[in-house]
PDB file of all heavy atoms in Angstrom:
ATOM      1  N   PRO A   1      14.987   4.975 -18.900  1.00  0.00           N
ATOM      2  CA  PRO A   1      16.165   5.504 -18.306  1.00  0.00           C
ATOM      3  C   PRO A   1      16.166   7.005 -18.303  1.00  0.00           C
ATOM      4  O   PRO A   1      15.685   7.607 -19.219  1.00  0.00           O
ATOM      5  CB  PRO A   1      17.344   4.910 -19.096  1.00  0.00           C
ATOM      6  CG  PRO A   1      16.756   3.648 -19.746  1.00  0.00           C
ATOM      7  CD  PRO A   1      15.314   3.954 -20.027  1.00  0.00           C
ATOM      8  N   TYR A   2      16.627   7.620 -17.217  1.00  0.00           N
ATOM      9  CA  TYR A   2      16.751   9.049 -17.124  1.00  0.00           C
ATOM     10  C   TYR A   2      18.040   9.401 -16.351  1.00  0.00           C
ATOM     11  O   TYR A   2      18.580   8.568 -15.724  1.00  0.00           O
ATOM     12  CB  TYR A   2      15.587   9.633 -16.458  1.00  0.00           C
ATOM     13  CG  TYR A   2      15.515   9.358 -14.913  1.00  0.00           C
ATOM     14  CD1 TYR A   2      15.975  10.388 -14.019  1.00  0.00           C
ATOM     15  CD2 TYR A   2      15.020   8.209 -14.430  1.00  0.00           C
ATOM     16  CE1 TYR A   2      15.877  10.183 -12.676  1.00  0.00           C
ATOM     17  CE2 TYR A   2      15.047   8.045 -13.030  1.00  0.00           C
ATOM     18  CZ  TYR A   2      15.442   8.924 -12.232  1.00  0.00           C
ATOM     19  OH  TYR A   2      15.393   8.754 -10.802  1.00  0.00           O
ATOM     20  N   ARG A   3      18.445  10.598 -16.581  1.00  0.00           N
ATOM     21  CA  ARG A   3      19.753  11.027 -15.931  1.00  0.00           C
ATOM     22  C   ARG A   3      19.448  11.962 -14.695  1.00  0.00           C
ATOM     23  O   ARG A   3      18.557  12.622 -14.771  1.00  0.00           O
ATOM     24  CB  ARG A   3      20.625  11.786 -16.967  1.00  0.00           C
ATOM     25  CG  ARG A   3      21.026  10.988 -18.197  1.00  0.00           C
ATOM     26  CD  ARG A   3      21.887  11.754 -19.119  1.00  0.00           C
ATOM     27  NE  ARG A   3      22.206  11.037 -20.313  1.00  0.00           N
ATOM     28  CZ  ARG A   3      23.319  11.110 -21.050  1.00  0.00           C
ATOM     29  NH1 ARG A   3      24.244  12.011 -20.704  1.00  0.00           N
ATOM     30  NH2 ARG A   3      23.541  10.436 -22.108  1.00  0.00           N
ATOM     31  N   TRP A   4      20.297  11.928 -13.812  1.00  0.00           N
ATOM     32  CA  TRP A   4      20.209  12.739 -12.602  1.00  0.00           C
ATOM     33  C   TRP A   4      21.676  12.934 -12.052  1.00  0.00           C
ATOM     34  O   TRP A   4      22.511  12.099 -12.222  1.00  0.00           O
ATOM     35  CB  TRP A   4      19.227  12.355 -11.629  1.00  0.00           C
ATOM     36  CG  TRP A   4      19.577  10.887 -10.955  1.00  0.00           C
ATOM     37  CD1 TRP A   4      19.545   9.784 -11.633  1.00  0.00           C
ATOM     38  CD2 TRP A   4      19.934  10.680  -9.762  1.00  0.00           C
ATOM     39  NE1 TRP A   4      19.839   8.725 -10.799  1.00  0.00           N
ATOM     40  CE2 TRP A   4      20.092   9.272  -9.502  1.00  0.00           C
ATOM     41  CE3 TRP A   4      20.136  11.545  -8.591  1.00  0.00           C
ATOM     42  CZ2 TRP A   4      20.535   8.720  -8.329  1.00  0.00           C
ATOM     43  CZ3 TRP A   4      20.627  10.863  -7.370  1.00  0.00           C
ATOM     44  CH2 TRP A   4      20.801   9.546  -7.199  1.00  0.00           C
ATOM     45  N   ILE A   5      21.838  14.099 -11.288  1.00  0.00           N
ATOM     46  CA  ILE A   5      23.170  14.345 -10.726  1.00  0.00           C
ATOM     47  C   ILE A   5      23.088  14.088  -9.221  1.00  0.00           C
ATOM     48  O   ILE A   5      22.139  14.461  -8.536  1.00  0.00           O
ATOM     49  CB  ILE A   5      23.551  15.798 -10.943  1.00  0.00           C
ATOM     50  CG1 ILE A   5      23.649  16.063 -12.530  1.00  0.00           C
ATOM     51  CG2 ILE A   5      24.811  16.189 -10.239  1.00  0.00           C
ATOM     52  CD1 ILE A   5      23.982  17.416 -12.830  1.00  0.00           C
ATOM     53  N   ALA A   6      24.163  13.375  -8.727  1.00  0.00           N
ATOM     54  CA  ALA A   6      24.057  12.985  -7.308  1.00  0.00           C
ATOM     55  C   ALA A   6      25.507  13.274  -6.644  1.00  0.00           C
ATOM     56  O   ALA A   6      26.531  13.251  -7.301  1.00  0.00           O
ATOM     57  CB  ALA A   6      23.766  11.503  -7.068  1.00  0.00           C
ATOM     58  N   SER A   7      25.509  13.439  -5.388  1.00  0.00           N
ATOM     59  CA  SER A   7      26.810  13.644  -4.694  1.00  0.00           C
ATOM     60  C   SER A   7      26.553  13.141  -3.160  1.00  0.00           C
ATOM     61  O   SER A   7      25.540  13.559  -2.620  1.00  0.00           O
ATOM     62  CB  SER A   7      27.224  15.123  -4.717  1.00  0.00           C
ATOM     63  OG  SER A   7      28.408  15.214  -3.890  1.00  0.00           O
ATOM     64  N   GLY A   8      27.481  12.336  -2.732  1.00  0.00           N
ATOM     65  CA  GLY A   8      27.380  11.903  -1.329  1.00  0.00           C
ATOM     66  C   GLY A   8      28.340  10.804  -1.004  1.00  0.00           C
ATOM     67  O   GLY A   8      29.343  10.665  -1.593  1.00  0.00           O
ATOM     68  N   ALA A   9      27.964  10.058   0.083  1.00  0.00           N
ATOM     69  CA  ALA A   9      28.808   8.889   0.482  1.00  0.00           C
ATOM     70  C   ALA A   9      27.926   7.891   1.123  1.00  0.00           C
ATOM     71  O   ALA A   9      26.924   8.262   1.767  1.00  0.00           O
ATOM     72  CB  ALA A   9      29.872   9.416   1.386  1.00  0.00           C
ATOM     73  N   VAL A  10      28.414   6.621   1.048  1.00  0.00           N
ATOM     74  CA  VAL A  10      27.696   5.503   1.655  1.00  0.00           C
ATOM     75  C   VAL A  10      28.781   4.619   2.390  1.00  0.00           C
ATOM     76  O   VAL A  10      29.935   4.657   2.033  1.00  0.00           O
ATOM     77  CB  VAL A  10      26.905   4.701   0.693  1.00  0.00           C
ATOM     78  CG1 VAL A  10      25.777   5.483   0.044  1.00  0.00           C
ATOM     79  CG2 VAL A  10      27.845   4.114  -0.417  1.00  0.00           C
ATOM     80  N   VAL A  11      28.351   3.856   3.379  1.00  0.00           N
ATOM     81  CA  VAL A  11      29.152   2.844   3.878  1.00  0.00           C
ATOM     82  C   VAL A  11      28.790   1.554   3.262  1.00  0.00           C
ATOM     83  O   VAL A  11      27.553   1.165   3.106  1.00  0.00           O
ATOM     84  CB  VAL A  11      28.979   2.801   5.403  1.00  0.00           C
ATOM     85  CG1 VAL A  11      29.692   4.013   6.140  1.00  0.00           C
ATOM     86  CG2 VAL A  11      27.582   2.652   5.845  1.00  0.00           C
ATOM     87  N   GLU A  12      29.726   0.752   2.992  1.00  0.00           N
ATOM     88  CA  GLU A  12      29.596  -0.413   2.097  1.00  0.00           C
ATOM     89  C   GLU A  12      30.128  -1.692   2.898  1.00  0.00           C
ATOM     90  O   GLU A  12      31.181  -1.609   3.375  1.00  0.00           O
ATOM     91  CB  GLU A  12      30.267  -0.182   0.833  1.00  0.00           C
ATOM     92  CG  GLU A  12      29.622  -0.962  -0.358  1.00  0.00           C
ATOM     93  CD  GLU A  12      30.222  -0.356  -1.613  1.00  0.00           C
ATOM     94  OE1 GLU A  12      31.387  -0.055  -1.721  1.00  0.00           O
ATOM     95  OE2 GLU A  12      29.514  -0.275  -2.668  1.00  0.00           O
ATOM     96  N   LEU A  13      29.417  -2.791   2.763  1.00  0.00           N
ATOM     97  CA  LEU A  13      29.856  -3.971   3.382  1.00  0.00           C
ATOM     98  C   LEU A  13      29.874  -5.054   2.274  1.00  0.00           C
ATOM     99  O   LEU A  13      28.912  -5.352   1.589  1.00  0.00           O
ATOM    100  CB  LEU A  13      28.903  -4.456   4.496  1.00  0.00           C
ATOM    101  CG  LEU A  13      29.174  -5.805   5.054  1.00  0.00           C
ATOM    102  CD1 LEU A  13      30.614  -5.911   5.820  1.00  0.00           C
ATOM    103  CD2 LEU A  13      27.994  -6.235   5.969  1.00  0.00           C
ATOM    104  N   VAL A  14      30.974  -5.687   2.060  1.00  0.00           N
ATOM    105  CA  VAL A  14      31.231  -6.725   1.007  1.00  0.00           C
ATOM    106  C   VAL A  14      30.380  -8.026   1.520  1.00  0.00           C
ATOM    107  O   VAL A  14      30.564  -8.418   2.676  1.00  0.00           O
ATOM    108  CB  VAL A  14      32.593  -7.002   0.760  1.00  0.00           C
ATOM    109  CG1 VAL A  14      32.765  -8.184  -0.243  1.00  0.00           C
ATOM    110  CG2 VAL A  14      33.340  -5.774   0.250  1.00  0.00           C
ATOM    111  N   LEU A  15      29.571  -8.463   0.610  1.00  0.00           N
ATOM    112  CA  LEU A  15      28.866  -9.787   0.935  1.00  0.00           C
ATOM    113  C   LEU A  15      29.694 -10.958   0.794  1.00  0.00           C
ATOM    114  O   LEU A  15      30.447 -11.119  -0.206  1.00  0.00           O
ATOM    115  CB  LEU A  15      27.577  -9.803   0.162  1.00  0.00           C
ATOM    116  CG  LEU A  15      26.596  -8.703   0.218  1.00  0.00           C
ATOM    117  CD1 LEU A  15      25.381  -8.868  -0.690  1.00  0.00           C
ATOM    118  CD2 LEU A  15      26.044  -8.627   1.663  1.00  0.00           C
ATOM    119  N   THR A  16      29.655 -11.869   1.702  1.00  0.00           N
ATOM    120  CA  THR A  16      30.500 -13.066   1.589  1.00  0.00           C
ATOM    121  C   THR A  16      29.712 -14.244   1.259  1.00  0.00           C
ATOM    122  O   THR A  16      30.271 -15.371   1.098  1.00  0.00           O
ATOM    123  CB  THR A  16      31.154 -13.435   2.906  1.00  0.00           C
ATOM    124  OG1 THR A  16      30.078 -13.480   4.023  1.00  0.00           O
ATOM    125  CG2 THR A  16      32.118 -12.290   3.353  1.00  0.00           C
ATOM    126  N   THR A  17      28.366 -14.140   1.036  1.00  0.00           N
ATOM    127  CA  THR A  17      27.532 -15.196   0.631  1.00  0.00           C
ATOM    128  C   THR A  17      26.795 -14.900  -0.711  1.00  0.00           C
ATOM    129  O   THR A  17      26.640 -13.662  -1.041  1.00  0.00           O
ATOM    130  CB  THR A  17      26.435 -15.590   1.688  1.00  0.00           C
ATOM    131  OG1 THR A  17      25.685 -14.500   1.950  1.00  0.00           O
ATOM    132  CG2 THR A  17      27.219 -16.158   2.953  1.00  0.00           C
ATOM    133  N   THR A  18      26.324 -15.872  -1.407  1.00  0.00           N
ATOM    134  CA  THR A  18      25.634 -15.524  -2.713  1.00  0.00           C
ATOM    135  C   THR A  18      24.172 -15.033  -2.347  1.00  0.00           C
ATOM    136  O   THR A  18      23.399 -15.733  -1.755  1.00  0.00           O
ATOM    137  CB  THR A  18      25.567 -16.739  -3.530  1.00  0.00           C
ATOM    138  OG1 THR A  18      26.965 -17.279  -3.873  1.00  0.00           O
ATOM    139  CG2 THR A  18      24.786 -16.523  -4.847  1.00  0.00           C
ATOM    140  N   VAL A  19      23.848 -13.815  -2.882  1.00  0.00           N
ATOM    141  CA  VAL A  19      22.612 -13.282  -2.705  1.00  0.00           C
ATOM    142  C   VAL A  19      22.156 -12.707  -4.044  1.00  0.00           C
ATOM    143  O   VAL A  19      22.930 -12.017  -4.632  1.00  0.00           O
ATOM    144  CB  VAL A  19      22.561 -12.187  -1.671  1.00  0.00           C
ATOM    145  CG1 VAL A  19      21.219 -11.575  -1.400  1.00  0.00           C
ATOM    146  CG2 VAL A  19      23.220 -12.595  -0.327  1.00  0.00           C
ATOM    147  N   THR A  20      20.911 -13.023  -4.442  1.00  0.00           N
ATOM    148  CA  THR A  20      20.390 -12.558  -5.620  1.00  0.00           C
ATOM    149  C   THR A  20      19.081 -11.792  -5.446  1.00  0.00           C
ATOM    150  O   THR A  20      18.522 -11.812  -4.337  1.00  0.00           O
ATOM    151  CB  THR A  20      20.174 -13.770  -6.650  1.00  0.00           C
ATOM    152  OG1 THR A  20      18.911 -14.433  -6.244  1.00  0.00           O
ATOM    153  CG2 THR A  20      21.233 -14.752  -6.650  1.00  0.00           C
ATOM    154  N   PRO A  21      18.574 -11.120  -6.471  1.00  0.00           N
ATOM    155  CA  PRO A  21      17.230 -10.475  -6.235  1.00  0.00           C
ATOM    156  C   PRO A  21      16.152 -11.477  -5.983  1.00  0.00           C
ATOM    157  O   PRO A  21      15.036 -11.035  -5.461  1.00  0.00           O
ATOM    158  CB  PRO A  21      16.907  -9.826  -7.680  1.00  0.00           C
ATOM    159  CG  PRO A  21      18.290  -9.658  -8.164  1.00  0.00           C
ATOM    160  CD  PRO A  21      19.125 -10.860  -7.711  1.00  0.00           C
ATOM    161  N   LEU A  22      16.271 -12.814  -6.092  1.00  0.00           N
ATOM    162  CA  LEU A  22      15.304 -13.741  -5.857  1.00  0.00           C
ATOM    163  C   LEU A  22      15.301 -14.152  -4.305  1.00  0.00           C
ATOM    164  O   LEU A  22      14.307 -14.786  -3.736  1.00  0.00           O
ATOM    165  CB  LEU A  22      15.510 -14.987  -6.558  1.00  0.00           C
ATOM    166  CG  LEU A  22      15.338 -14.878  -8.058  1.00  0.00           C
ATOM    167  CD1 LEU A  22      15.891 -16.232  -8.755  1.00  0.00           C
ATOM    168  CD2 LEU A  22      13.919 -14.563  -8.390  1.00  0.00           C
ATOM    169  N   ASP A  23      16.456 -13.715  -3.610  1.00  0.00           N
ATOM    170  CA  ASP A  23      16.492 -14.093  -2.161  1.00  0.00           C
ATOM    171  C   ASP A  23      15.942 -12.923  -1.241  1.00  0.00           C
ATOM    172  O   ASP A  23      15.835 -11.786  -1.518  1.00  0.00           O
ATOM    173  CB  ASP A  23      17.960 -14.263  -1.751  1.00  0.00           C
ATOM    174  CG  ASP A  23      18.609 -15.354  -2.611  1.00  0.00           C
ATOM    175  OD1 ASP A  23      17.886 -16.469  -2.693  1.00  0.00           O
ATOM    176  OD2 ASP A  23      19.675 -15.218  -3.143  1.00  0.00           O
ATOM    177  N   ALA A  24      15.469 -13.356  -0.095  1.00  0.00           N
ATOM    178  CA  ALA A  24      15.062 -12.441   1.011  1.00  0.00           C
ATOM    179  C   ALA A  24      16.309 -11.671   1.438  1.00  0.00           C
ATOM    180  O   ALA A  24      17.298 -12.212   1.787  1.00  0.00           O
ATOM    181  CB  ALA A  24      14.401 -13.228   2.195  1.00  0.00           C
ATOM    182  N   PRO A  25      16.235 -10.316   1.489  1.00  0.00           N
ATOM    183  CA  PRO A  25      17.460  -9.447   1.759  1.00  0.00           C
ATOM    184  C   PRO A  25      17.787  -9.308   3.197  1.00  0.00           C
ATOM    185  O   PRO A  25      18.916  -8.919   3.439  1.00  0.00           O
ATOM    186  CB  PRO A  25      17.088  -8.195   1.026  1.00  0.00           C
ATOM    187  CG  PRO A  25      15.563  -8.087   1.221  1.00  0.00           C
ATOM    188  CD  PRO A  25      15.110  -9.474   1.132  1.00  0.00           C
ATOM    189  N   ASP A  26      16.867  -9.634   4.116  1.00  0.00           N
ATOM    190  CA  ASP A  26      17.043  -9.145   5.472  1.00  0.00           C
ATOM    191  C   ASP A  26      18.323  -9.723   6.119  1.00  0.00           C
ATOM    192  O   ASP A  26      19.137  -9.025   6.762  1.00  0.00           O
ATOM    193  CB  ASP A  26      15.896  -9.578   6.345  1.00  0.00           C
ATOM    194  CG  ASP A  26      14.637  -8.686   5.884  1.00  0.00           C
ATOM    195  OD1 ASP A  26      14.366  -7.607   6.356  1.00  0.00           O
ATOM    196  OD2 ASP A  26      13.869  -9.293   4.938  1.00  0.00           O
ATOM    197  N   GLN A  27      18.597 -10.989   5.861  1.00  0.00           N
ATOM    198  CA  GLN A  27      19.753 -11.662   6.505  1.00  0.00           C
ATOM    199  C   GLN A  27      21.046 -11.054   5.953  1.00  0.00           C
ATOM    200  O   GLN A  27      22.062 -10.835   6.709  1.00  0.00           O
ATOM    201  CB  GLN A  27      19.707 -13.091   6.240  1.00  0.00           C
ATOM    202  CG  GLN A  27      20.799 -13.825   6.996  1.00  0.00           C
ATOM    203  CD  GLN A  27      20.797 -15.377   6.885  1.00  0.00           C
ATOM    204  OE1 GLN A  27      19.703 -15.875   6.350  1.00  0.00           O
ATOM    205  NE2 GLN A  27      21.713 -16.033   7.353  1.00  0.00           N
ATOM    206  N   SER A  28      21.002 -10.645   4.737  1.00  0.00           N
ATOM    207  CA  SER A  28      22.199  -9.950   4.070  1.00  0.00           C
ATOM    208  C   SER A  28      22.510  -8.664   4.590  1.00  0.00           C
ATOM    209  O   SER A  28      23.752  -8.241   4.724  1.00  0.00           O
ATOM    210  CB  SER A  28      22.054  -9.903   2.547  1.00  0.00           C
ATOM    211  OG  SER A  28      21.698 -11.233   2.087  1.00  0.00           O
ATOM    212  N   VAL A  29      21.514  -7.843   4.872  1.00  0.00           N
ATOM    213  CA  VAL A  29      21.769  -6.513   5.339  1.00  0.00           C
ATOM    214  C   VAL A  29      21.866  -6.339   6.805  1.00  0.00           C
ATOM    215  O   VAL A  29      22.396  -5.396   7.336  1.00  0.00           O
ATOM    216  CB  VAL A  29      20.578  -5.514   4.857  1.00  0.00           C
ATOM    217  CG1 VAL A  29      20.522  -5.624   3.387  1.00  0.00           C
ATOM    218  CG2 VAL A  29      19.324  -5.799   5.558  1.00  0.00           C
ATOM    219  N   ALA A  30      21.536  -7.433   7.612  1.00  0.00           N
ATOM    220  CA  ALA A  30      21.601  -7.415   9.052  1.00  0.00           C
ATOM    221  C   ALA A  30      22.959  -7.110   9.651  1.00  0.00           C
ATOM    222  O   ALA A  30      23.026  -6.287  10.494  1.00  0.00           O
ATOM    223  CB  ALA A  30      21.053  -8.851   9.508  1.00  0.00           C
ATOM    224  N   PRO A  31      24.115  -7.615   9.147  1.00  0.00           N
ATOM    225  CA  PRO A  31      25.370  -7.317   9.744  1.00  0.00           C
ATOM    226  C   PRO A  31      25.665  -5.812   9.739  1.00  0.00           C
ATOM    227  O   PRO A  31      26.116  -5.163  10.704  1.00  0.00           O
ATOM    228  CB  PRO A  31      26.378  -7.998   8.979  1.00  0.00           C
ATOM    229  CG  PRO A  31      25.612  -9.194   8.457  1.00  0.00           C
ATOM    230  CD  PRO A  31      24.250  -8.728   8.151  1.00  0.00           C
ATOM    231  N   LEU A  32      25.314  -5.098   8.587  1.00  0.00           N
ATOM    232  CA  LEU A  32      25.633  -3.667   8.469  1.00  0.00           C
ATOM    233  C   LEU A  32      24.608  -2.879   9.349  1.00  0.00           C
ATOM    234  O   LEU A  32      25.015  -2.011  10.084  1.00  0.00           O
ATOM    235  CB  LEU A  32      25.513  -3.224   6.998  1.00  0.00           C
ATOM    236  CG  LEU A  32      25.842  -1.715   6.771  1.00  0.00           C
ATOM    237  CD1 LEU A  32      27.246  -1.376   7.294  1.00  0.00           C
ATOM    238  CD2 LEU A  32      25.684  -1.467   5.280  1.00  0.00           C
TER     239      LEU A  32
END
């Protein structure tokens, strides 16, 4: 672990289905 300083903004979409690191991510990010 290391520390760093950041500042900015992102657009965020709440996921309505269960997605884990084991799942393929493309379908989850497609709507955004």
